[in-house]
C-alpha atoms as a PDB file:
ATOM      1  CA  UNK A   1     -87.414-234.476  15.131  1.00  0.00           C
ATOM      2  CA  UNK A   2     -90.193-232.683  12.934  1.00  0.00           C
ATOM      3  CA  UNK A   3     -88.003-233.229   9.844  1.00  0.00           C
ATOM      4  CA  UNK A   4     -87.931-237.028  10.583  1.00  0.00           C
ATOM      5  CA  UNK A   5     -91.623-237.121  11.110  1.00  0.00           C
ATOM      6  CA  UNK A   6     -92.497-235.253   7.899  1.00  0.00           C
ATOM      7  CA  UNK A   7     -89.686-237.432   6.022  1.00  0.00           C
ATOM      8  CA  UNK A   8     -91.274-240.642   7.175  1.00  0.00           C
ATOM      9  CA  UNK A   9     -94.873-239.390   6.412  1.00  0.00           C
ATOM     10  CA  UNK A  10     -93.842-238.384   2.874  1.00  0.00           C
ATOM     11  CA  UNK A  11     -91.937-241.923   2.263  1.00  0.00           C
ATOM     12  CA  UNK A  12     -95.003-243.806   3.422  1.00  0.00           C
ATOM     13  CA  UNK A  13     -97.581-241.940   1.434  1.00  0.00           C
ATOM     14  CA  UNK A  14     -95.226-242.348  -1.785  1.00  0.00           C
ATOM     15  CA  UNK A  15     -95.028-246.014  -0.878  1.00  0.00           C
ATOM     16  CA  UNK A  16     -98.658-246.258  -0.716  1.00  0.00           C
ATOM     17  CA  UNK A  17     -99.040-244.419  -3.869  1.00  0.00           C
ATOM     18  CA  UNK A  18     -96.791-246.859  -5.682  1.00  0.00           C
ATOM     19  CA  UNK A  19     -98.899-249.852  -4.420  1.00  0.00           C
ATOM     20  CA  UNK A  20    -102.113-248.145  -5.889  1.00  0.00           C
ATOM     21  CA  UNK A  21    -100.679-247.167  -9.023  1.00  0.00           C
ATOM     22  CA  UNK A  22     -99.002-250.652  -9.621  1.00  0.00           C
ATOM     23  CA  UNK A  23    -102.438-252.248  -8.848  1.00  0.00           C
ATOM     24  CA  UNK A  24    -104.292-250.256 -11.373  1.00  0.00           C
ATOM     25  CA  UNK A  25    -101.625-250.723 -14.100  1.00  0.00           C
ATOM     26  CA  UNK A  26    -101.675-254.615 -13.418  1.00  0.00           C
ATOM     27  CA  UNK A  27    -105.486-254.731 -14.110  1.00  0.00           C
ATOM     28  CA  UNK A  28    -104.877-252.880 -17.346  1.00  0.00           C
ATOM     29  CA  UNK A  29    -101.804-254.858 -18.431  1.00  0.00           C
ATOM     30  CA  UNK A  30     -99.671-251.570 -18.530  1.00  0.00           C
ATOM     31  CA  UNK A  31     -96.123-250.853 -17.731  1.00  0.00           C
ATOM     32  CA  UNK A  32     -95.548-251.827 -13.948  1.00  0.00           C
ATOM     33  CA  UNK A  33     -93.485-250.139 -11.388  1.00  0.00           C
ATOM     34  CA  UNK A  34     -90.280-252.146 -10.798  1.00  0.00           C
ATOM     35  CA  UNK A  35     -90.220-254.316  -7.593  1.00  0.00           C
ATOM     36  CA  UNK A  36     -86.963-252.899  -6.613  1.00  0.00           C
ATOM     37  CA  UNK A  37     -88.730-249.695  -6.321  1.00  0.00           C
ATOM     38  CA  UNK A  38     -91.146-250.908  -3.596  1.00  0.00           C
ATOM     39  CA  UNK A  39     -88.192-252.339  -1.715  1.00  0.00           C
ATOM     40  CA  UNK A  40     -86.095-249.062  -1.891  1.00  0.00           C
ATOM     41  CA  UNK A  41     -89.229-247.260  -0.465  1.00  0.00           C
ATOM     42  CA  UNK A  42     -89.300-249.770   2.285  1.00  0.00           C
ATOM     43  CA  UNK A  43     -85.573-249.369   3.197  1.00  0.00           C
ATOM     44  CA  UNK A  44     -85.969-245.635   3.119  1.00  0.00           C
ATOM     45  CA  UNK A  45     -88.733-246.023   5.737  1.00  0.00           C
ATOM     46  CA  UNK A  46     -91.960-246.693   4.090  1.00  0.00           C
ATOM     47  CA  UNK A  47     -92.544-250.277   5.188  1.00  0.00           C
ATOM     48  CA  UNK A  48     -95.654-249.800   7.109  1.00  0.00           C
ATOM     49  CA  UNK A  49     -97.622-248.026   4.349  1.00  0.00           C
ATOM     50  CA  UNK A  50     -96.360-250.176   1.621  1.00  0.00           C
ATOM     51  CA  UNK A  51     -97.255-253.347   3.567  1.00  0.00           C
ATOM     52  CA  UNK A  52    -100.770-251.818   4.645  1.00  0.00           C
ATOM     53  CA  UNK A  53    -101.502-250.892   1.066  1.00  0.00           C
ATOM     54  CA  UNK A  54    -100.433-254.192  -0.205  1.00  0.00           C
ATOM     55  CA  UNK A  55    -102.839-255.910   2.280  1.00  0.00           C
ATOM     56  CA  UNK A  56    -105.754-253.488   1.780  1.00  0.00           C
ATOM     57  CA  UNK A  57    -105.587-253.618  -2.048  1.00  0.00           C
ATOM     58  CA  UNK A  58    -104.697-257.260  -2.243  1.00  0.00           C
ATOM     59  CA  UNK A  59    -101.671-256.421  -4.338  1.00  0.00           C
ATOM     60  CA  UNK A  60     -98.604-258.793  -4.407  1.00  0.00           C
ATOM     61  CA  UNK A  61     -99.976-260.626  -1.428  1.00  0.00           C
ATOM     62  CA  UNK A  62     -99.276-264.001  -2.946  1.00  0.00           C
ATOM     63  CA  UNK A  63     -95.579-262.921  -3.510  1.00  0.00           C
ATOM     64  CA  UNK A  64     -93.630-264.492  -0.545  1.00  0.00           C
ATOM     65  CA  UNK A  65     -90.801-262.060  -1.515  1.00  0.00           C
ATOM     66  CA  UNK A  66     -92.872-259.269  -0.554  1.00  0.00           C
ATOM     67  CA  UNK A  67     -95.013-260.806   2.333  1.00  0.00           C
ATOM     68  CA  UNK A  68     -91.822-261.722   4.209  1.00  0.00           C
ATOM     69  CA  UNK A  69     -89.302-259.454   2.890  1.00  0.00           C
ATOM     70  CA  UNK A  70     -91.159-256.068   3.769  1.00  0.00           C
ATOM     71  CA  UNK A  71     -91.800-257.037   7.332  1.00  0.00           C
ATOM     72  CA  UNK A  72     -88.407-258.349   7.588  1.00  0.00           C
ATOM     73  CA  UNK A  73     -87.059-255.039   6.586  1.00  0.00           C
ATOM     74  CA  UNK A  74     -89.260-253.278   8.958  1.00  0.00           C
ATOM     75  CA  UNK A  75     -88.133-255.690  11.807  1.00  0.00           C
ATOM     76  CA  UNK A  76     -84.520-254.928  11.075  1.00  0.00           C
ATOM     77  CA  UNK A  77     -85.050-251.052  11.016  1.00  0.00           C
ATOM     78  CA  UNK A  78     -86.904-251.323  14.421  1.00  0.00           C
ATOM     79  CA  UNK A  79     -83.991-253.414  15.886  1.00  0.00           C
ATOM     80  CA  UNK A  80     -81.549-251.010  14.533  1.00  0.00           C
ATOM     81  CA  UNK A  81     -83.482-248.082  15.980  1.00  0.00           C
ATOM     82  CA  UNK A  82     -83.574-249.750  19.463  1.00  0.00           C
ATOM     83  CA  UNK A  83     -79.901-250.517  19.251  1.00  0.00           C
ATOM     84  CA  UNK A  84     -78.933-246.929  18.392  1.00  0.00           C
ATOM     85  CA  UNK A  85     -81.255-245.439  21.101  1.00  0.00           C
ATOM     86  CA  UNK A  86     -79.934-247.877  23.739  1.00  0.00           C
ATOM     87  CA  UNK A  87     -76.450-247.810  22.756  1.00  0.00           C
ATOM     88  CA  UNK A  88     -75.700-244.981  25.076  1.00  0.00           C
ATOM     89  CA  UNK A  89     -77.465-246.678  27.890  1.00  0.00           C
ATOM     90  CA  UNK A  90     -74.963-249.745  27.950  1.00  0.00           C
ATOM     91  CA  UNK A  91     -72.421-250.026  30.535  1.00  0.00           C
ATOM     92  CA  UNK A  92     -69.012-248.672  29.420  1.00  0.00           C
ATOM     93  CA  UNK A  93     -67.389-252.071  29.581  1.00  0.00           C
ATOM     94  CA  UNK A  94     -69.564-253.407  26.614  1.00  0.00           C
ATOM     95  CA  UNK A  95     -67.622-252.398  23.630  1.00  0.00           C
ATOM     96  CA  UNK A  96     -70.077-252.540  20.547  1.00  0.00           C
END
């Protein structure tokens, strides 16, 4: 459980750093972090920090792909965790 907590902390920190770096590079017209990297980070568990950093730094907030996609990924992850956690609690006649 400690490993999972440390992993999620690191993925979220990396995701927030991605947003900050990309925002600074956008202001300077420099090379940008590819959008897929934001989504990969979110799929790996960094949704909360990426979304919070986007809102806080006002970065990519006009992109519907991000403002809808990142929360959607997070919701799917939460549903999957709930399903995996409660799967053992289902009656044995339910075959999932």
